N, C-alpha and C. Protein backbone atom coordinates (compact mmCIF):
# COMPACT_ATOMS: atom_id res chain seq x y z
N UNK A 1 8.90 53.66 69.44
CA UNK A 1 10.16 54.26 69.04
C UNK A 1 11.08 53.21 68.41
N UNK A 2 11.21 52.07 69.06
CA UNK A 2 12.16 51.06 68.58
C UNK A 2 11.78 50.50 67.22
N UNK A 3 10.50 50.31 66.99
CA UNK A 3 10.06 49.71 65.74
C UNK A 3 9.97 50.73 64.61
N UNK A 4 9.81 52.00 64.97
CA UNK A 4 9.70 53.06 63.96
C UNK A 4 11.04 53.58 63.50
N UNK A 5 12.07 53.41 64.32
CA UNK A 5 13.38 53.99 64.01
C UNK A 5 14.50 52.95 64.12
N UNK A 6 14.43 51.86 63.37
CA UNK A 6 15.43 50.80 63.53
C UNK A 6 16.85 51.22 63.11
N UNK A 7 16.98 52.29 62.33
CA UNK A 7 18.30 52.72 61.86
C UNK A 7 18.87 53.88 62.68
N UNK A 8 18.22 54.24 63.76
CA UNK A 8 18.67 55.34 64.60
C UNK A 8 20.07 55.07 65.13
N UNK A 9 20.97 56.04 64.96
CA UNK A 9 22.35 55.85 65.43
C UNK A 9 22.67 56.70 66.66
N UNK A 10 21.98 57.81 66.86
CA UNK A 10 22.23 58.67 68.01
C UNK A 10 20.92 59.01 68.69
N UNK A 11 20.90 58.88 70.01
CA UNK A 11 19.73 59.22 70.81
C UNK A 11 20.16 60.20 71.88
N UNK A 12 19.58 61.39 71.86
CA UNK A 12 19.90 62.39 72.87
C UNK A 12 18.62 62.85 73.55
N UNK A 13 18.58 62.66 74.86
CA UNK A 13 17.46 63.12 75.68
C UNK A 13 18.01 63.85 76.90
N UNK A 14 19.14 64.50 76.72
CA UNK A 14 19.81 65.22 77.80
C UNK A 14 18.90 66.31 78.36
N UNK A 15 18.79 66.35 79.68
CA UNK A 15 18.05 67.42 80.35
C UNK A 15 16.59 67.49 80.00
N UNK A 16 15.93 66.35 79.81
CA UNK A 16 14.51 66.34 79.45
C UNK A 16 13.60 65.93 80.60
N UNK A 17 14.09 65.95 81.81
CA UNK A 17 13.31 65.61 83.01
C UNK A 17 12.73 64.20 82.96
N UNK A 18 13.46 63.28 82.30
CA UNK A 18 13.03 61.88 82.28
C UNK A 18 13.14 61.32 83.70
N UNK A 19 12.14 60.53 84.10
CA UNK A 19 12.12 59.97 85.45
C UNK A 19 12.03 58.45 85.40
N UNK A 20 12.56 57.82 86.42
CA UNK A 20 12.40 56.37 86.55
C UNK A 20 13.39 55.58 85.73
N UNK A 21 12.85 54.76 84.82
CA UNK A 21 13.67 53.85 84.03
C UNK A 21 13.44 54.07 82.54
N UNK A 22 14.48 53.80 81.77
CA UNK A 22 14.33 53.79 80.32
C UNK A 22 13.71 52.45 79.92
N UNK A 23 13.00 52.38 78.82
CA UNK A 23 12.37 51.12 78.41
C UNK A 23 13.40 50.05 78.05
N UNK A 24 13.11 48.83 78.42
CA UNK A 24 13.96 47.69 78.12
C UNK A 24 14.16 47.54 76.62
N UNK A 25 13.15 47.90 75.85
CA UNK A 25 13.19 47.75 74.39
C UNK A 25 14.22 48.65 73.72
N UNK A 26 14.82 49.55 74.47
CA UNK A 26 15.87 50.40 73.90
C UNK A 26 16.98 49.54 73.32
N UNK A 27 17.18 48.36 73.85
CA UNK A 27 18.19 47.44 73.34
C UNK A 27 17.90 46.92 71.95
N UNK A 28 16.70 47.16 71.45
CA UNK A 28 16.36 46.73 70.09
C UNK A 28 16.86 47.71 69.03
N UNK A 29 17.29 48.88 69.46
CA UNK A 29 17.83 49.87 68.53
C UNK A 29 19.31 49.55 68.30
N UNK A 30 19.56 48.47 67.60
CA UNK A 30 20.91 47.92 67.49
C UNK A 30 21.88 48.76 66.66
N UNK A 31 21.39 49.79 65.99
CA UNK A 31 22.28 50.68 65.23
C UNK A 31 22.81 51.83 66.08
N UNK A 32 22.33 51.95 67.32
CA UNK A 32 22.76 53.06 68.17
C UNK A 32 24.27 53.02 68.42
N UNK A 33 24.90 54.16 68.22
CA UNK A 33 26.32 54.30 68.55
C UNK A 33 26.52 55.28 69.70
N UNK A 34 25.48 56.08 69.99
CA UNK A 34 25.60 57.10 71.03
C UNK A 34 24.26 57.30 71.73
N UNK A 35 24.31 57.28 73.06
CA UNK A 35 23.13 57.57 73.88
C UNK A 35 23.51 58.64 74.89
N UNK A 36 22.72 59.70 74.94
CA UNK A 36 22.95 60.76 75.92
C UNK A 36 21.66 60.99 76.69
N UNK A 37 21.64 60.52 77.92
CA UNK A 37 20.49 60.70 78.80
C UNK A 37 20.91 61.41 80.09
N UNK A 38 22.00 62.18 80.00
CA UNK A 38 22.52 62.90 81.16
C UNK A 38 21.53 63.96 81.62
N UNK A 39 21.67 64.35 82.87
CA UNK A 39 20.90 65.43 83.48
C UNK A 39 19.40 65.18 83.46
N UNK A 40 19.02 63.98 83.89
CA UNK A 40 17.62 63.62 84.04
C UNK A 40 17.41 63.10 85.46
N UNK A 41 16.36 62.35 85.67
CA UNK A 41 16.08 61.77 86.98
C UNK A 41 15.91 60.25 86.86
N UNK A 42 16.78 59.65 86.08
CA UNK A 42 16.71 58.20 85.85
C UNK A 42 17.33 57.44 87.01
N UNK A 43 16.68 56.35 87.41
CA UNK A 43 17.21 55.53 88.52
C UNK A 43 17.90 54.28 88.02
N UNK A 44 17.65 53.89 86.76
CA UNK A 44 18.34 52.72 86.21
C UNK A 44 18.38 52.80 84.69
N UNK A 45 19.34 52.07 84.16
CA UNK A 45 19.46 51.91 82.71
C UNK A 45 19.06 50.48 82.39
N UNK A 46 18.40 50.25 81.26
CA UNK A 46 17.92 48.90 80.96
C UNK A 46 19.04 47.92 80.64
N UNK A 47 18.88 46.71 81.11
CA UNK A 47 19.82 45.63 80.81
C UNK A 47 19.91 45.42 79.31
N UNK A 48 18.84 45.74 78.59
CA UNK A 48 18.81 45.59 77.14
C UNK A 48 19.90 46.36 76.42
N UNK A 49 20.51 47.35 77.09
CA UNK A 49 21.62 48.08 76.47
C UNK A 49 22.78 47.15 76.16
N UNK A 50 22.84 46.03 76.84
CA UNK A 50 23.91 45.04 76.60
C UNK A 50 23.87 44.51 75.17
N UNK A 51 22.74 44.64 74.50
CA UNK A 51 22.60 44.18 73.12
C UNK A 51 23.18 45.16 72.10
N UNK A 52 23.52 46.34 72.55
CA UNK A 52 23.96 47.40 71.63
C UNK A 52 25.46 47.29 71.39
N UNK A 53 25.86 46.41 70.51
CA UNK A 53 27.27 46.14 70.26
C UNK A 53 27.97 47.28 69.51
N UNK A 54 27.21 48.17 68.91
CA UNK A 54 27.81 49.31 68.19
C UNK A 54 27.96 50.54 69.07
N UNK A 55 27.44 50.49 70.28
CA UNK A 55 27.46 51.65 71.17
C UNK A 55 28.89 52.05 71.51
N UNK A 56 29.20 53.32 71.31
CA UNK A 56 30.54 53.84 71.59
C UNK A 56 30.52 54.93 72.66
N UNK A 57 29.34 55.56 72.85
CA UNK A 57 29.21 56.63 73.82
C UNK A 57 27.93 56.45 74.63
N UNK A 58 28.07 56.50 75.94
CA UNK A 58 26.92 56.44 76.84
C UNK A 58 27.11 57.54 77.88
N UNK A 59 26.31 58.58 77.77
CA UNK A 59 26.37 59.70 78.72
C UNK A 59 25.16 59.62 79.63
N UNK A 60 25.40 59.41 80.92
CA UNK A 60 24.29 59.28 81.86
C UNK A 60 24.59 60.00 83.17
N UNK A 61 25.51 60.96 83.15
CA UNK A 61 25.87 61.70 84.36
C UNK A 61 24.69 62.53 84.84
N UNK A 62 24.74 62.89 86.11
CA UNK A 62 23.72 63.74 86.74
C UNK A 62 22.34 63.10 86.73
N UNK A 63 22.30 61.81 87.01
CA UNK A 63 21.08 61.05 87.24
C UNK A 63 21.25 60.33 88.58
N UNK A 64 20.18 60.14 89.34
CA UNK A 64 20.29 59.39 90.60
C UNK A 64 20.29 57.88 90.36
N UNK A 65 21.22 57.40 89.55
CA UNK A 65 21.24 55.99 89.14
C UNK A 65 21.63 55.06 90.29
N UNK A 66 20.91 53.95 90.36
CA UNK A 66 21.31 52.89 91.28
C UNK A 66 21.71 51.64 90.51
N UNK A 67 21.28 51.53 89.26
CA UNK A 67 21.62 50.37 88.44
C UNK A 67 21.85 50.79 87.00
N UNK A 68 23.04 50.78 86.49
CA UNK A 68 24.29 50.63 87.23
C UNK A 68 24.56 51.89 88.04
N UNK A 69 25.40 51.78 89.03
CA UNK A 69 25.68 52.92 89.88
C UNK A 69 26.47 53.98 89.11
N UNK A 70 26.38 55.19 89.58
CA UNK A 70 27.14 56.29 88.96
C UNK A 70 28.64 56.00 89.05
N UNK A 71 29.07 55.36 90.14
CA UNK A 71 30.49 55.03 90.29
C UNK A 71 30.93 54.05 89.20
N UNK A 72 30.08 53.08 88.88
CA UNK A 72 30.42 52.13 87.82
C UNK A 72 30.50 52.82 86.46
N UNK A 73 29.58 53.74 86.21
CA UNK A 73 29.59 54.47 84.94
C UNK A 73 30.88 55.26 84.74
N UNK A 74 31.45 55.76 85.81
CA UNK A 74 32.68 56.54 85.67
C UNK A 74 33.87 55.65 85.29
N UNK A 75 33.72 54.34 85.40
CA UNK A 75 34.80 53.41 85.04
C UNK A 75 34.85 53.13 83.54
N UNK A 76 33.91 53.70 82.79
CA UNK A 76 33.96 53.59 81.34
C UNK A 76 32.88 52.70 80.73
N UNK A 77 32.72 52.85 79.44
CA UNK A 77 31.68 52.14 78.71
C UNK A 77 31.90 50.63 78.73
N UNK A 78 33.13 50.18 78.54
CA UNK A 78 33.38 48.73 78.50
C UNK A 78 33.00 48.07 79.82
N UNK A 79 33.33 48.69 80.93
CA UNK A 79 32.99 48.15 82.25
C UNK A 79 31.48 48.14 82.45
N UNK A 80 30.83 49.23 82.06
CA UNK A 80 29.37 49.33 82.20
C UNK A 80 28.67 48.26 81.36
N UNK A 81 29.13 48.09 80.12
CA UNK A 81 28.51 47.09 79.24
C UNK A 81 28.75 45.67 79.76
N UNK A 82 29.92 45.39 80.29
CA UNK A 82 30.20 44.07 80.86
C UNK A 82 29.26 43.79 82.03
N UNK A 83 29.03 44.81 82.85
CA UNK A 83 28.10 44.68 83.97
C UNK A 83 26.69 44.37 83.48
N UNK A 84 26.23 45.11 82.47
CA UNK A 84 24.88 44.88 81.94
C UNK A 84 24.76 43.50 81.30
N UNK A 85 25.80 43.04 80.62
CA UNK A 85 25.80 41.69 80.06
C UNK A 85 25.67 40.66 81.17
N UNK A 86 26.42 40.84 82.26
CA UNK A 86 26.35 39.88 83.37
C UNK A 86 24.95 39.86 83.97
N UNK A 87 24.30 41.02 84.06
CA UNK A 87 22.93 41.06 84.58
C UNK A 87 21.97 40.34 83.65
N UNK A 88 22.17 40.48 82.35
CA UNK A 88 21.27 39.81 81.41
C UNK A 88 21.45 38.30 81.47
N UNK A 89 22.67 37.83 81.68
CA UNK A 89 22.92 36.39 81.80
C UNK A 89 22.28 35.87 83.08
N UNK A 90 22.43 36.60 84.18
CA UNK A 90 21.81 36.19 85.44
C UNK A 90 20.29 36.16 85.29
N UNK A 91 19.74 37.18 84.63
CA UNK A 91 18.29 37.23 84.42
C UNK A 91 17.79 36.07 83.58
N UNK A 92 18.54 35.70 82.55
CA UNK A 92 18.15 34.57 81.71
C UNK A 92 18.19 33.28 82.53
N UNK A 93 19.20 33.14 83.36
CA UNK A 93 19.28 31.95 84.22
C UNK A 93 18.14 31.87 85.20
N UNK A 94 17.74 33.01 85.74
CA UNK A 94 16.62 33.02 86.69
C UNK A 94 15.33 32.63 85.99
N UNK A 95 15.13 33.10 84.76
CA UNK A 95 13.91 32.74 84.03
C UNK A 95 13.87 31.25 83.76
N UNK A 96 15.04 30.66 83.45
CA UNK A 96 15.08 29.22 83.18
C UNK A 96 14.77 28.40 84.42
N UNK A 97 15.22 28.86 85.57
CA UNK A 97 14.95 28.11 86.80
C UNK A 97 13.51 28.28 87.25
N UNK A 98 12.91 29.43 86.94
CA UNK A 98 11.52 29.65 87.30
C UNK A 98 10.57 28.95 86.35
N UNK A 99 10.93 28.88 85.09
CA UNK A 99 10.10 28.24 84.06
C UNK A 99 10.96 27.28 83.25
N UNK A 100 11.30 26.12 83.82
CA UNK A 100 12.16 25.21 83.07
C UNK A 100 11.49 24.77 81.77
N UNK A 101 12.31 24.56 80.72
CA UNK A 101 11.74 24.13 79.45
C UNK A 101 11.11 22.74 79.57
N UNK A 102 10.08 22.46 78.77
CA UNK A 102 9.40 21.15 78.89
C UNK A 102 10.29 20.00 78.47
């Protein structure tokens, strides 16, 4: 999906019975301005969403989300994106400590 549709601006998968997690590679769709994955069975959103600097709308209500929590999502897109950015920074730091550069 990511490599076939690099210019995609809107992604809607509302009410499609999606389960589990969205792919991390979703963050490669850098033209996305709107994502609607509400009314599914998603437990987390990918940290890769932090790369989507053009994103203006993220609808993820009615999912059993634990990461980020549904409560965090209700605080708005800016708060959610800041949280995902912080997770990506922590993840990068963990990779560096596990595999230090030569």
